[in-house]
Amino acid sequence: MSGNYHQGILTLIIPFGVWGLIGFGAFCCAALRVLYLNFRHGRESLKLVNTFLLSSFGSKLIYYLLFYGSFDSDIVSFTGWVAFSISLNGGVRPKPVKAGENNTAAAAVHTTGVA
């Protein structure tokens, strides 16, 4: 009656079908990549915050998928953690370019923040 089916996967499959589950899986993979890159290559002064964002996203995702989740309320926290990480770090932090490498695409992304 309320749309809560005790497990996050069911709150995706029942209203959105398999395509919704695939879309959410793609979002989770991209979000984990963004959070990991910001954790790995972010500024040293933000290391603690980036660690918290990555670990809280991962733990909430595991809890959502295995035990209990409600898509309509949990998607807000999932997107919020990723958005906060992006805004705090000034985008997605790429791998730093080593001196002597001739990688103009990586240098352009690093200086402009846009791929």
N, C-alpha and C. Protein backbone atom coordinates (compact mmCIF):
# COMPACT_ATOMS: atom_id res chain seq x y z
N MET A 1 0.81 -1.20 0.00
CA MET A 1 0.00 0.00 0.00
C MET A 1 0.85 1.26 0.00
N SER A 2 1.93 1.26 0.74
CA SER A 2 2.74 2.48 0.82
C SER A 2 3.86 2.50 -0.20
N GLY A 3 4.15 1.40 -0.88
CA GLY A 3 5.20 1.36 -1.87
C GLY A 3 6.55 0.98 -1.31
N ASN A 4 6.61 0.67 -0.02
CA ASN A 4 7.87 0.23 0.58
C ASN A 4 7.86 -1.28 0.63
N TYR A 5 8.81 -1.88 -0.04
CA TYR A 5 8.84 -3.33 -0.19
C TYR A 5 9.99 -3.98 0.56
N HIS A 6 10.51 -3.30 1.56
CA HIS A 6 11.52 -3.83 2.47
C HIS A 6 12.91 -3.94 1.89
N GLN A 7 13.10 -3.91 0.63
CA GLN A 7 14.43 -4.01 0.05
C GLN A 7 14.53 -3.02 -1.10
N GLY A 8 15.69 -2.38 -1.21
CA GLY A 8 15.86 -1.33 -2.20
C GLY A 8 15.69 -1.81 -3.63
N ILE A 9 16.12 -3.02 -3.91
CA ILE A 9 15.99 -3.54 -5.27
C ILE A 9 14.52 -3.67 -5.67
N LEU A 10 13.70 -4.08 -4.73
CA LEU A 10 12.26 -4.21 -5.04
C LEU A 10 11.61 -2.85 -5.26
N THR A 11 12.09 -1.80 -4.54
CA THR A 11 11.52 -0.47 -4.75
C THR A 11 11.94 0.11 -6.09
N LEU A 12 12.90 -0.52 -6.74
CA LEU A 12 13.28 -0.11 -8.10
C LEU A 12 12.58 -0.94 -9.15
N ILE A 13 12.57 -2.25 -8.98
CA ILE A 13 12.03 -3.14 -10.01
C ILE A 13 10.52 -3.00 -10.14
N ILE A 14 9.80 -2.91 -9.04
CA ILE A 14 8.34 -2.88 -9.13
C ILE A 14 7.83 -1.64 -9.87
N PRO A 15 8.25 -0.43 -9.53
CA PRO A 15 7.71 0.71 -10.30
C PRO A 15 8.45 1.00 -11.61
N PHE A 16 9.77 0.72 -11.69
CA PHE A 16 10.55 1.13 -12.85
C PHE A 16 10.97 -0.01 -13.77
N GLY A 17 10.87 -1.23 -13.30
CA GLY A 17 11.24 -2.37 -14.13
C GLY A 17 12.75 -2.58 -14.18
N VAL A 18 13.14 -3.45 -15.08
CA VAL A 18 14.55 -3.80 -15.21
C VAL A 18 15.36 -2.59 -15.70
N TRP A 19 14.78 -1.75 -16.56
CA TRP A 19 15.50 -0.59 -17.07
C TRP A 19 15.79 0.41 -15.95
N GLY A 20 14.90 0.55 -15.00
CA GLY A 20 15.16 1.40 -13.84
C GLY A 20 16.28 0.86 -12.98
N LEU A 21 16.32 -0.46 -12.83
CA LEU A 21 17.39 -1.10 -12.07
C LEU A 21 18.73 -0.90 -12.78
N ILE A 22 18.76 -1.03 -14.10
CA ILE A 22 19.99 -0.82 -14.86
C ILE A 22 20.43 0.64 -14.76
N GLY A 23 19.48 1.56 -14.83
CA GLY A 23 19.81 2.98 -14.71
C GLY A 23 20.36 3.33 -13.34
N PHE A 24 19.76 2.76 -12.30
CA PHE A 24 20.26 3.02 -10.95
C PHE A 24 21.63 2.39 -10.76
N GLY A 25 21.85 1.23 -11.35
CA GLY A 25 23.18 0.61 -11.28
C GLY A 25 24.23 1.47 -11.96
N ALA A 26 23.88 2.06 -13.10
CA ALA A 26 24.81 2.95 -13.79
C ALA A 26 25.09 4.20 -12.96
N PHE A 27 24.04 4.74 -12.34
CA PHE A 27 24.24 5.89 -11.45
C PHE A 27 25.16 5.54 -10.30
N CYS A 28 24.97 4.38 -9.69
CA CYS A 28 25.81 3.98 -8.55
C CYS A 28 27.26 3.78 -8.96
N CYS A 29 27.49 3.19 -10.12
CA CYS A 29 28.87 3.02 -10.60
C CYS A 29 29.53 4.36 -10.85
N ALA A 30 28.82 5.28 -11.48
CA ALA A 30 29.37 6.60 -11.75
C ALA A 30 29.60 7.37 -10.46
N ALA A 31 28.67 7.27 -9.53
CA ALA A 31 28.81 7.97 -8.25
C ALA A 31 29.98 7.45 -7.45
N LEU A 32 30.15 6.14 -7.41
CA LEU A 32 31.28 5.56 -6.70
C LEU A 32 32.60 5.97 -7.35
N ARG A 33 32.62 6.07 -8.66
CA ARG A 33 33.84 6.50 -9.35
C ARG A 33 34.17 7.95 -9.01
N VAL A 34 33.17 8.82 -9.02
CA VAL A 34 33.38 10.23 -8.68
C VAL A 34 33.88 10.36 -7.24
N LEU A 35 33.23 9.67 -6.32
CA LEU A 35 33.63 9.76 -4.92
C LEU A 35 35.03 9.19 -4.71
N TYR A 36 35.36 8.11 -5.40
CA TYR A 36 36.69 7.52 -5.26
C TYR A 36 37.77 8.44 -5.83
N LEU A 37 37.53 9.01 -7.00
CA LEU A 37 38.52 9.91 -7.59
C LEU A 37 38.74 11.15 -6.72
N ASN A 38 37.67 11.69 -6.15
CA ASN A 38 37.83 12.83 -5.26
C ASN A 38 38.54 12.43 -3.97
N PHE A 39 38.30 11.22 -3.49
CA PHE A 39 39.00 10.73 -2.32
C PHE A 39 40.47 10.51 -2.62
N ARG A 40 40.75 9.92 -3.75
CA ARG A 40 42.12 9.53 -4.10
C ARG A 40 42.98 10.73 -4.51
N HIS A 41 42.41 11.66 -5.28
CA HIS A 41 43.20 12.73 -5.87
C HIS A 41 42.80 14.12 -5.37
N GLY A 42 41.95 14.19 -4.37
CA GLY A 42 41.54 15.48 -3.84
C GLY A 42 42.62 16.13 -3.01
N ARG A 43 42.36 17.37 -2.61
CA ARG A 43 43.32 18.08 -1.78
C ARG A 43 43.49 17.38 -0.44
N GLU A 44 44.66 17.50 0.12
CA GLU A 44 44.97 16.85 1.39
C GLU A 44 44.12 17.42 2.53
N SER A 45 43.76 18.69 2.44
CA SER A 45 42.94 19.31 3.49
C SER A 45 41.51 18.76 3.49
N LEU A 46 41.07 18.15 2.39
CA LEU A 46 39.72 17.59 2.29
C LEU A 46 39.70 16.07 2.42
N LYS A 47 40.81 15.47 2.79
CA LYS A 47 40.93 14.01 2.85
C LYS A 47 39.91 13.40 3.80
N LEU A 48 39.72 13.99 4.97
CA LEU A 48 38.78 13.45 5.95
C LEU A 48 37.34 13.53 5.44
N VAL A 49 36.98 14.64 4.84
CA VAL A 49 35.62 14.81 4.32
C VAL A 49 35.37 13.86 3.16
N ASN A 50 36.35 13.73 2.25
CA ASN A 50 36.20 12.82 1.13
C ASN A 50 36.12 11.36 1.59
N THR A 51 36.87 11.02 2.63
CA THR A 51 36.78 9.68 3.20
C THR A 51 35.40 9.42 3.76
N PHE A 52 34.86 10.39 4.47
CA PHE A 52 33.51 10.25 5.03
C PHE A 52 32.46 10.09 3.93
N LEU A 53 32.55 10.91 2.88
CA LEU A 53 31.56 10.84 1.81
C LEU A 53 31.59 9.50 1.09
N LEU A 54 32.78 9.00 0.80
CA LEU A 54 32.90 7.71 0.13
C LEU A 54 32.41 6.57 1.01
N SER A 55 32.80 6.56 2.27
CA SER A 55 32.40 5.47 3.16
C SER A 55 30.91 5.52 3.50
N SER A 56 30.35 6.70 3.68
CA SER A 56 28.93 6.78 3.99
C SER A 56 28.08 6.40 2.78
N PHE A 57 28.51 6.80 1.58
CA PHE A 57 27.78 6.41 0.38
C PHE A 57 27.82 4.89 0.21
N GLY A 58 29.00 4.31 0.37
CA GLY A 58 29.14 2.86 0.21
C GLY A 58 28.34 2.07 1.23
N SER A 59 28.38 2.50 2.48
CA SER A 59 27.64 1.78 3.52
C SER A 59 26.13 1.92 3.33
N LYS A 60 25.67 3.11 2.96
CA LYS A 60 24.24 3.31 2.71
C LYS A 60 23.78 2.50 1.50
N LEU A 61 24.63 2.40 0.49
CA LEU A 61 24.28 1.62 -0.70
C LEU A 61 24.16 0.14 -0.36
N ILE A 62 25.08 -0.38 0.41
CA ILE A 62 25.02 -1.79 0.82
C ILE A 62 23.78 -2.04 1.66
N TYR A 63 23.50 -1.16 2.60
CA TYR A 63 22.31 -1.31 3.43
C TYR A 63 21.04 -1.23 2.58
N TYR A 64 21.03 -0.30 1.62
CA TYR A 64 19.88 -0.12 0.73
C TYR A 64 19.62 -1.37 -0.11
N LEU A 65 20.68 -1.95 -0.65
CA LEU A 65 20.51 -3.10 -1.53
C LEU A 65 20.22 -4.40 -0.79
N LEU A 66 20.78 -4.58 0.38
CA LEU A 66 20.65 -5.86 1.08
C LEU A 66 19.53 -5.91 2.12
N PHE A 67 19.29 -4.82 2.81
CA PHE A 67 18.37 -4.88 3.94
C PHE A 67 17.09 -4.09 3.74
N TYR A 68 17.17 -2.80 3.70
CA TYR A 68 15.96 -2.00 3.57
C TYR A 68 16.27 -0.74 2.79
N GLY A 69 15.36 -0.35 1.93
CA GLY A 69 15.52 0.88 1.20
C GLY A 69 14.22 1.35 0.60
N SER A 70 14.08 2.64 0.51
CA SER A 70 12.94 3.26 -0.13
C SER A 70 13.50 4.24 -1.16
N PHE A 71 13.27 3.97 -2.42
CA PHE A 71 13.90 4.74 -3.48
C PHE A 71 13.57 6.22 -3.38
N ASP A 72 12.32 6.55 -3.13
CA ASP A 72 11.92 7.95 -3.15
C ASP A 72 12.59 8.78 -2.05
N SER A 73 12.98 8.20 -0.95
CA SER A 73 13.67 8.97 0.09
C SER A 73 15.18 8.79 0.06
N ASP A 74 15.66 7.63 -0.39
CA ASP A 74 17.11 7.38 -0.38
C ASP A 74 17.84 8.00 -1.56
N ILE A 75 17.16 8.23 -2.68
CA ILE A 75 17.83 8.83 -3.83
C ILE A 75 18.29 10.24 -3.50
N VAL A 76 17.60 10.89 -2.58
CA VAL A 76 17.99 12.25 -2.17
C VAL A 76 19.35 12.23 -1.49
N SER A 77 19.56 11.27 -0.60
CA SER A 77 20.85 11.21 0.09
C SER A 77 21.95 10.73 -0.85
N PHE A 78 21.65 9.80 -1.75
CA PHE A 78 22.67 9.34 -2.70
C PHE A 78 23.16 10.49 -3.59
N THR A 79 22.24 11.21 -4.18
CA THR A 79 22.63 12.32 -5.05
C THR A 79 23.23 13.48 -4.25
N GLY A 80 22.78 13.66 -3.03
CA GLY A 80 23.31 14.73 -2.18
C GLY A 80 24.77 14.53 -1.84
N TRP A 81 25.17 13.29 -1.51
CA TRP A 81 26.57 13.01 -1.20
C TRP A 81 27.47 13.25 -2.42
N VAL A 82 27.01 12.84 -3.57
CA VAL A 82 27.81 13.03 -4.79
C VAL A 82 27.88 14.52 -5.14
N ALA A 83 26.76 15.21 -5.06
CA ALA A 83 26.75 16.64 -5.38
C ALA A 83 27.62 17.43 -4.41
N PHE A 84 27.60 17.08 -3.13
CA PHE A 84 28.43 17.77 -2.14
C PHE A 84 29.91 17.53 -2.42
N SER A 85 30.25 16.31 -2.80
CA SER A 85 31.64 16.00 -3.13
C SER A 85 32.11 16.78 -4.35
N ILE A 86 31.27 16.86 -5.36
CA ILE A 86 31.62 17.60 -6.57
C ILE A 86 31.77 19.09 -6.28
N SER A 87 30.85 19.65 -5.51
CA SER A 87 30.93 21.08 -5.22
C SER A 87 32.10 21.40 -4.30
N LEU A 88 32.40 20.54 -3.36
CA LEU A 88 33.48 20.79 -2.42
C LEU A 88 34.85 20.68 -3.09
N ASN A 89 35.00 19.73 -3.99
CA ASN A 89 36.28 19.50 -4.64
C ASN A 89 36.44 20.28 -5.94
N GLY A 90 35.44 21.01 -6.34
CA GLY A 90 35.53 21.76 -7.59
C GLY A 90 35.41 20.88 -8.81
N GLY A 91 34.62 19.84 -8.73
CA GLY A 91 34.45 18.90 -9.83
C GLY A 91 35.04 17.56 -9.48
N VAL A 92 35.26 16.76 -10.50
CA VAL A 92 35.88 15.45 -10.30
C VAL A 92 37.38 15.64 -10.43
N ARG A 93 38.11 15.24 -9.41
CA ARG A 93 39.57 15.42 -9.40
C ARG A 93 40.22 14.32 -10.24
N PRO A 94 40.85 14.70 -11.36
CA PRO A 94 41.50 13.68 -12.19
C PRO A 94 42.84 13.27 -11.59
N LYS A 95 43.39 12.22 -12.15
CA LYS A 95 44.72 11.78 -11.74
C LYS A 95 45.72 12.87 -12.11
N PRO A 96 46.58 13.27 -11.17
CA PRO A 96 47.53 14.34 -11.48
C PRO A 96 48.47 13.95 -12.61
N VAL A 97 48.78 14.91 -13.45
CA VAL A 97 49.69 14.69 -14.57
C VAL A 97 51.11 14.76 -14.05
N LYS A 98 51.89 13.73 -14.32
CA LYS A 98 53.29 13.70 -13.88
C LYS A 98 54.13 14.59 -14.78
N ALA A 99 55.17 15.15 -14.21
CA ALA A 99 56.07 16.01 -14.98
C ALA A 99 56.75 15.18 -16.07
N GLY A 100 56.80 15.72 -17.25
CA GLY A 100 57.44 15.03 -18.36
C GLY A 100 56.48 14.26 -19.23
N GLU A 101 55.22 14.08 -18.79
CA GLU A 101 54.25 13.38 -19.63
C GLU A 101 53.65 14.37 -20.61
N ASN A 102 53.42 13.93 -21.81
CA ASN A 102 52.82 14.77 -22.83
C ASN A 102 51.37 14.33 -23.00
N ASN A 103 50.55 14.64 -22.04
CA ASN A 103 49.14 14.26 -22.07
C ASN A 103 48.31 15.53 -22.05
N THR A 104 48.03 16.09 -23.22
CA THR A 104 47.34 17.36 -23.29
C THR A 104 45.88 17.27 -22.88
N ALA A 105 45.23 16.13 -23.10
CA ALA A 105 43.84 15.98 -22.71
C ALA A 105 43.70 15.99 -21.20
N ALA A 106 44.56 15.29 -20.50
CA ALA A 106 44.52 15.26 -19.03
C ALA A 106 44.88 16.62 -18.47
N ALA A 107 45.81 17.32 -19.09
CA ALA A 107 46.19 18.65 -18.63
C ALA A 107 45.04 19.63 -18.83
N ALA A 108 44.31 19.52 -19.94
CA ALA A 108 43.20 20.41 -20.19
C ALA A 108 42.07 20.18 -19.19
N VAL A 109 41.81 18.94 -18.85
CA VAL A 109 40.78 18.63 -17.86
C VAL A 109 41.21 19.14 -16.49
N HIS A 110 42.47 18.98 -16.18
CA HIS A 110 42.97 19.38 -14.86
C HIS A 110 42.91 20.90 -14.69
N THR A 111 43.21 21.67 -15.73
CA THR A 111 43.23 23.11 -15.61
C THR A 111 41.85 23.72 -15.73
N THR A 112 41.00 23.16 -16.59
CA THR A 112 39.67 23.75 -16.78
C THR A 112 38.61 23.10 -15.94
N GLY A 113 38.79 21.84 -15.57
CA GLY A 113 37.78 21.12 -14.81
C GLY A 113 36.67 20.57 -15.68
N VAL A 114 36.81 20.70 -17.01
CA VAL A 114 35.78 20.24 -17.93
C VAL A 114 36.40 19.22 -18.87
N ALA A 115 35.68 18.11 -19.07
CA ALA A 115 36.20 17.08 -19.98
C ALA A 115 35.81 17.38 -21.39
